[in-house]
């Protein structure tokens, strides 16, 4: 059986008016405090929730009652927001 001809594809170059101005190489890396702070917030949030449940709602702040859950989960959500900015 005869082999079909190989077609050469043209290299696509986007028009200059739609071409992105910034490339991945030109973006600055994240500061060193960002991942450290994010990991710290995750550990603090998990620690807060563990202490809250193991102490049967007596600690960390007994008068906050279920707001202790909001503090723990809020710390973890804040860390996710920080990690979304990590490059």
N, C-alpha and C. Protein backbone atom coordinates (compact mmCIF):
# COMPACT_ATOMS: atom_id res chain seq x y z
N UNK A 1 0.85 -1.16 0.00
CA UNK A 1 0.00 0.00 0.00
C UNK A 1 0.90 1.23 0.00
N UNK A 2 0.61 2.21 -0.84
CA UNK A 2 1.45 3.40 -0.90
C UNK A 2 1.26 4.28 0.35
N UNK A 3 2.34 4.93 0.73
CA UNK A 3 2.31 5.81 1.90
C UNK A 3 1.74 7.16 1.49
N UNK A 4 0.89 7.71 2.34
CA UNK A 4 0.31 9.02 2.03
C UNK A 4 1.35 10.11 2.24
N UNK A 5 1.11 11.22 1.60
CA UNK A 5 2.07 12.32 1.70
C UNK A 5 1.99 12.96 3.08
N UNK A 6 3.12 13.40 3.59
CA UNK A 6 3.19 14.09 4.86
C UNK A 6 3.03 15.58 4.60
N UNK A 7 2.08 16.16 5.27
CA UNK A 7 1.84 17.58 5.09
C UNK A 7 2.56 18.36 6.17
N UNK A 8 3.15 19.45 5.79
CA UNK A 8 3.81 20.31 6.76
C UNK A 8 2.78 21.31 7.29
N UNK A 9 2.70 21.40 8.60
CA UNK A 9 1.77 22.34 9.21
C UNK A 9 2.46 23.68 9.38
N UNK A 10 1.70 24.73 9.17
CA UNK A 10 2.24 26.07 9.39
C UNK A 10 2.29 26.33 10.89
N UNK A 11 3.32 27.05 11.30
CA UNK A 11 3.44 27.41 12.71
C UNK A 11 2.51 28.59 12.98
N UNK A 12 1.66 28.40 13.98
CA UNK A 12 0.68 29.44 14.29
C UNK A 12 1.34 30.55 15.11
N UNK A 13 1.19 31.76 14.67
CA UNK A 13 1.62 32.92 15.44
C UNK A 13 0.40 33.81 15.64
N UNK A 14 0.04 34.06 16.89
CA UNK A 14 -1.15 34.88 17.14
C UNK A 14 -0.91 36.32 16.71
N UNK A 15 -1.96 37.02 16.39
CA UNK A 15 -1.81 38.43 16.02
C UNK A 15 -1.22 39.23 17.16
N UNK A 16 -0.50 40.26 16.84
CA UNK A 16 0.22 41.02 17.88
C UNK A 16 -0.72 41.77 18.80
N UNK A 17 -1.94 42.08 18.36
CA UNK A 17 -2.85 42.81 19.24
C UNK A 17 -3.51 41.92 20.29
N UNK A 18 -3.50 40.60 20.13
CA UNK A 18 -4.07 39.71 21.14
C UNK A 18 -2.99 38.99 21.93
N UNK A 19 -1.77 39.08 21.53
CA UNK A 19 -0.67 38.37 22.18
C UNK A 19 -0.53 38.86 23.62
N UNK A 20 -0.37 37.97 24.58
CA UNK A 20 -0.22 38.39 25.98
C UNK A 20 1.08 39.17 26.17
N UNK A 21 1.01 40.17 27.04
CA UNK A 21 2.17 41.02 27.24
C UNK A 21 3.15 40.44 28.24
N UNK A 22 2.65 39.74 29.24
CA UNK A 22 3.56 39.18 30.23
C UNK A 22 3.69 37.68 30.02
N UNK A 23 4.88 37.19 30.14
CA UNK A 23 5.11 35.76 30.02
C UNK A 23 5.37 35.18 31.39
N UNK A 24 5.40 33.88 31.47
CA UNK A 24 5.63 33.22 32.76
C UNK A 24 7.02 33.51 33.30
N UNK A 25 7.97 33.73 32.43
CA UNK A 25 9.34 33.99 32.88
C UNK A 25 9.49 35.37 33.49
N UNK A 26 8.63 36.32 33.12
CA UNK A 26 8.80 37.68 33.61
C UNK A 26 8.10 37.91 34.95
N UNK A 27 7.28 36.95 35.42
CA UNK A 27 6.60 37.13 36.70
C UNK A 27 7.57 36.90 37.85
N UNK A 28 7.41 37.70 38.89
CA UNK A 28 8.28 37.57 40.05
C UNK A 28 7.90 36.35 40.88
N UNK A 29 8.87 35.71 41.49
CA UNK A 29 8.52 34.61 42.41
C UNK A 29 7.92 35.17 43.70
N UNK A 30 7.23 34.32 44.40
CA UNK A 30 6.59 34.74 45.64
C UNK A 30 7.62 35.04 46.72
N UNK A 31 7.29 35.95 47.63
CA UNK A 31 8.19 36.19 48.76
C UNK A 31 8.23 34.96 49.67
N UNK A 32 9.30 34.82 50.41
CA UNK A 32 9.52 33.63 51.24
C UNK A 32 8.51 33.54 52.38
N UNK A 33 7.96 34.68 52.83
CA UNK A 33 7.02 34.65 53.95
C UNK A 33 5.68 34.04 53.57
N UNK A 34 5.33 34.04 52.29
CA UNK A 34 4.01 33.58 51.89
C UNK A 34 3.76 32.10 52.18
N UNK A 35 4.60 31.17 51.73
CA UNK A 35 4.33 29.76 52.07
C UNK A 35 4.49 29.47 53.56
N UNK A 36 5.40 30.18 54.21
CA UNK A 36 5.59 29.97 55.65
C UNK A 36 4.33 30.38 56.41
N UNK A 37 3.77 31.54 56.05
CA UNK A 37 2.55 32.01 56.70
C UNK A 37 1.38 31.09 56.41
N UNK A 38 1.28 30.60 55.17
CA UNK A 38 0.17 29.73 54.80
C UNK A 38 0.22 28.41 55.57
N UNK A 39 1.39 27.82 55.67
CA UNK A 39 1.53 26.56 56.41
C UNK A 39 1.26 26.78 57.89
N UNK A 40 1.72 27.91 58.42
CA UNK A 40 1.46 28.23 59.82
C UNK A 40 -0.03 28.37 60.07
N UNK A 41 -0.76 29.03 59.16
CA UNK A 41 -2.20 29.19 59.33
C UNK A 41 -2.92 27.84 59.27
N UNK A 42 -2.46 26.95 58.41
CA UNK A 42 -3.08 25.62 58.35
C UNK A 42 -2.87 24.88 59.68
N UNK A 43 -1.65 24.91 60.19
CA UNK A 43 -1.34 24.22 61.44
C UNK A 43 -2.11 24.83 62.60
N UNK A 44 -2.18 26.15 62.65
CA UNK A 44 -2.92 26.82 63.73
C UNK A 44 -4.40 26.49 63.64
N UNK A 45 -4.96 26.51 62.44
CA UNK A 45 -6.38 26.20 62.28
C UNK A 45 -6.72 24.78 62.69
N UNK A 46 -5.91 23.83 62.26
CA UNK A 46 -6.15 22.43 62.64
C UNK A 46 -5.94 22.25 64.14
N UNK A 47 -4.90 22.86 64.66
CA UNK A 47 -4.64 22.78 66.11
C UNK A 47 -5.78 23.37 66.92
N UNK A 48 -6.31 24.50 66.47
CA UNK A 48 -7.43 25.14 67.17
C UNK A 48 -8.63 24.21 67.22
N UNK A 49 -8.94 23.59 66.08
CA UNK A 49 -10.09 22.69 66.03
C UNK A 49 -9.88 21.43 66.86
N UNK A 50 -8.69 20.89 66.85
CA UNK A 50 -8.39 19.68 67.63
C UNK A 50 -8.51 19.97 69.12
N UNK A 51 -7.95 21.09 69.56
CA UNK A 51 -8.04 21.45 70.98
C UNK A 51 -9.50 21.68 71.36
N UNK A 52 -10.26 22.32 70.48
CA UNK A 52 -11.67 22.60 70.76
C UNK A 52 -12.46 21.30 70.94
N UNK A 53 -12.24 20.35 70.05
CA UNK A 53 -12.99 19.09 70.15
C UNK A 53 -12.50 18.21 71.30
N UNK A 54 -11.21 18.12 71.50
CA UNK A 54 -10.70 17.24 72.55
C UNK A 54 -11.00 17.77 73.95
N UNK A 55 -11.12 19.09 74.09
CA UNK A 55 -11.42 19.65 75.41
C UNK A 55 -12.93 19.71 75.65
N UNK A 56 -13.71 19.18 74.73
CA UNK A 56 -15.17 19.19 74.83
C UNK A 56 -15.70 20.61 75.00
N UNK A 57 -15.26 21.48 74.12
CA UNK A 57 -15.65 22.89 73.99
C UNK A 57 -15.25 23.77 75.18
N UNK A 58 -14.32 23.33 76.00
CA UNK A 58 -13.87 24.15 77.13
C UNK A 58 -12.74 25.09 76.74
N UNK A 59 -11.93 24.71 75.79
CA UNK A 59 -10.81 25.52 75.33
C UNK A 59 -10.93 25.70 73.84
N UNK A 60 -10.27 26.52 73.17
CA UNK A 60 -9.39 27.62 73.51
C UNK A 60 -10.12 28.79 74.18
N UNK A 61 -11.34 29.15 73.73
CA UNK A 61 -12.09 30.23 74.39
C UNK A 61 -13.50 29.70 74.64
N UNK A 62 -13.80 29.42 75.89
CA UNK A 62 -15.08 28.77 76.23
C UNK A 62 -16.27 29.67 75.94
N UNK A 63 -16.14 30.96 76.09
CA UNK A 63 -17.28 31.86 75.90
C UNK A 63 -17.65 32.04 74.43
N UNK A 64 -16.80 31.63 73.51
CA UNK A 64 -17.08 31.78 72.08
C UNK A 64 -17.97 30.66 71.55
N UNK A 65 -18.07 29.59 72.28
CA UNK A 65 -18.87 28.42 71.90
C UNK A 65 -18.53 27.98 70.48
N UNK A 66 -19.50 28.03 69.56
CA UNK A 66 -19.26 27.51 68.21
C UNK A 66 -18.46 28.46 67.33
N UNK A 67 -18.19 29.66 67.79
CA UNK A 67 -17.35 30.57 67.01
C UNK A 67 -15.91 30.07 66.97
N UNK A 68 -15.55 29.17 67.88
CA UNK A 68 -14.23 28.54 67.81
C UNK A 68 -14.07 27.77 66.49
N UNK A 69 -15.15 27.19 65.99
CA UNK A 69 -15.10 26.51 64.70
C UNK A 69 -14.81 27.50 63.58
N UNK A 70 -15.44 28.68 63.67
CA UNK A 70 -15.22 29.70 62.64
C UNK A 70 -13.77 30.18 62.65
N UNK A 71 -13.18 30.28 63.83
CA UNK A 71 -11.77 30.69 63.91
C UNK A 71 -10.87 29.64 63.28
N UNK A 72 -11.09 28.38 63.60
CA UNK A 72 -10.27 27.31 63.04
C UNK A 72 -10.40 27.19 61.54
N UNK A 73 -11.64 27.15 61.06
CA UNK A 73 -11.84 27.04 59.62
C UNK A 73 -11.46 28.32 58.89
N UNK A 74 -11.62 29.46 59.55
CA UNK A 74 -11.21 30.73 58.95
C UNK A 74 -9.71 30.80 58.73
N UNK A 75 -8.94 30.27 59.67
CA UNK A 75 -7.49 30.23 59.50
C UNK A 75 -7.10 29.35 58.33
N UNK A 76 -7.79 28.24 58.16
CA UNK A 76 -7.48 27.35 57.03
C UNK A 76 -7.89 27.96 55.69
N UNK A 77 -9.02 28.66 55.66
CA UNK A 77 -9.44 29.32 54.43
C UNK A 77 -8.47 30.45 54.08
N UNK A 78 -8.01 31.17 55.08
CA UNK A 78 -7.03 32.23 54.83
C UNK A 78 -5.74 31.66 54.25
N UNK A 79 -5.35 30.49 54.72
CA UNK A 79 -4.14 29.87 54.17
C UNK A 79 -4.36 29.45 52.72
N UNK A 80 -5.56 28.98 52.37
CA UNK A 80 -5.84 28.64 50.98
C UNK A 80 -5.82 29.86 50.08
N UNK A 81 -6.30 30.98 50.58
CA UNK A 81 -6.24 32.22 49.81
C UNK A 81 -4.79 32.63 49.58
N UNK A 82 -3.97 32.51 50.60
CA UNK A 82 -2.55 32.83 50.43
C UNK A 82 -1.88 31.88 49.45
N UNK A 83 -2.19 30.60 49.54
CA UNK A 83 -1.56 29.63 48.65
C UNK A 83 -2.00 29.79 47.21
N UNK A 84 -3.17 30.40 46.97
CA UNK A 84 -3.58 30.65 45.59
C UNK A 84 -2.75 31.75 44.94
N UNK A 85 -2.05 32.55 45.72
CA UNK A 85 -1.20 33.60 45.20
C UNK A 85 0.28 33.17 45.08
N UNK A 86 0.55 31.93 45.45
CA UNK A 86 1.93 31.42 45.43
C UNK A 86 2.34 31.08 44.01
N UNK A 87 3.52 31.55 43.60
CA UNK A 87 4.02 31.25 42.25
C UNK A 87 5.25 30.40 42.35
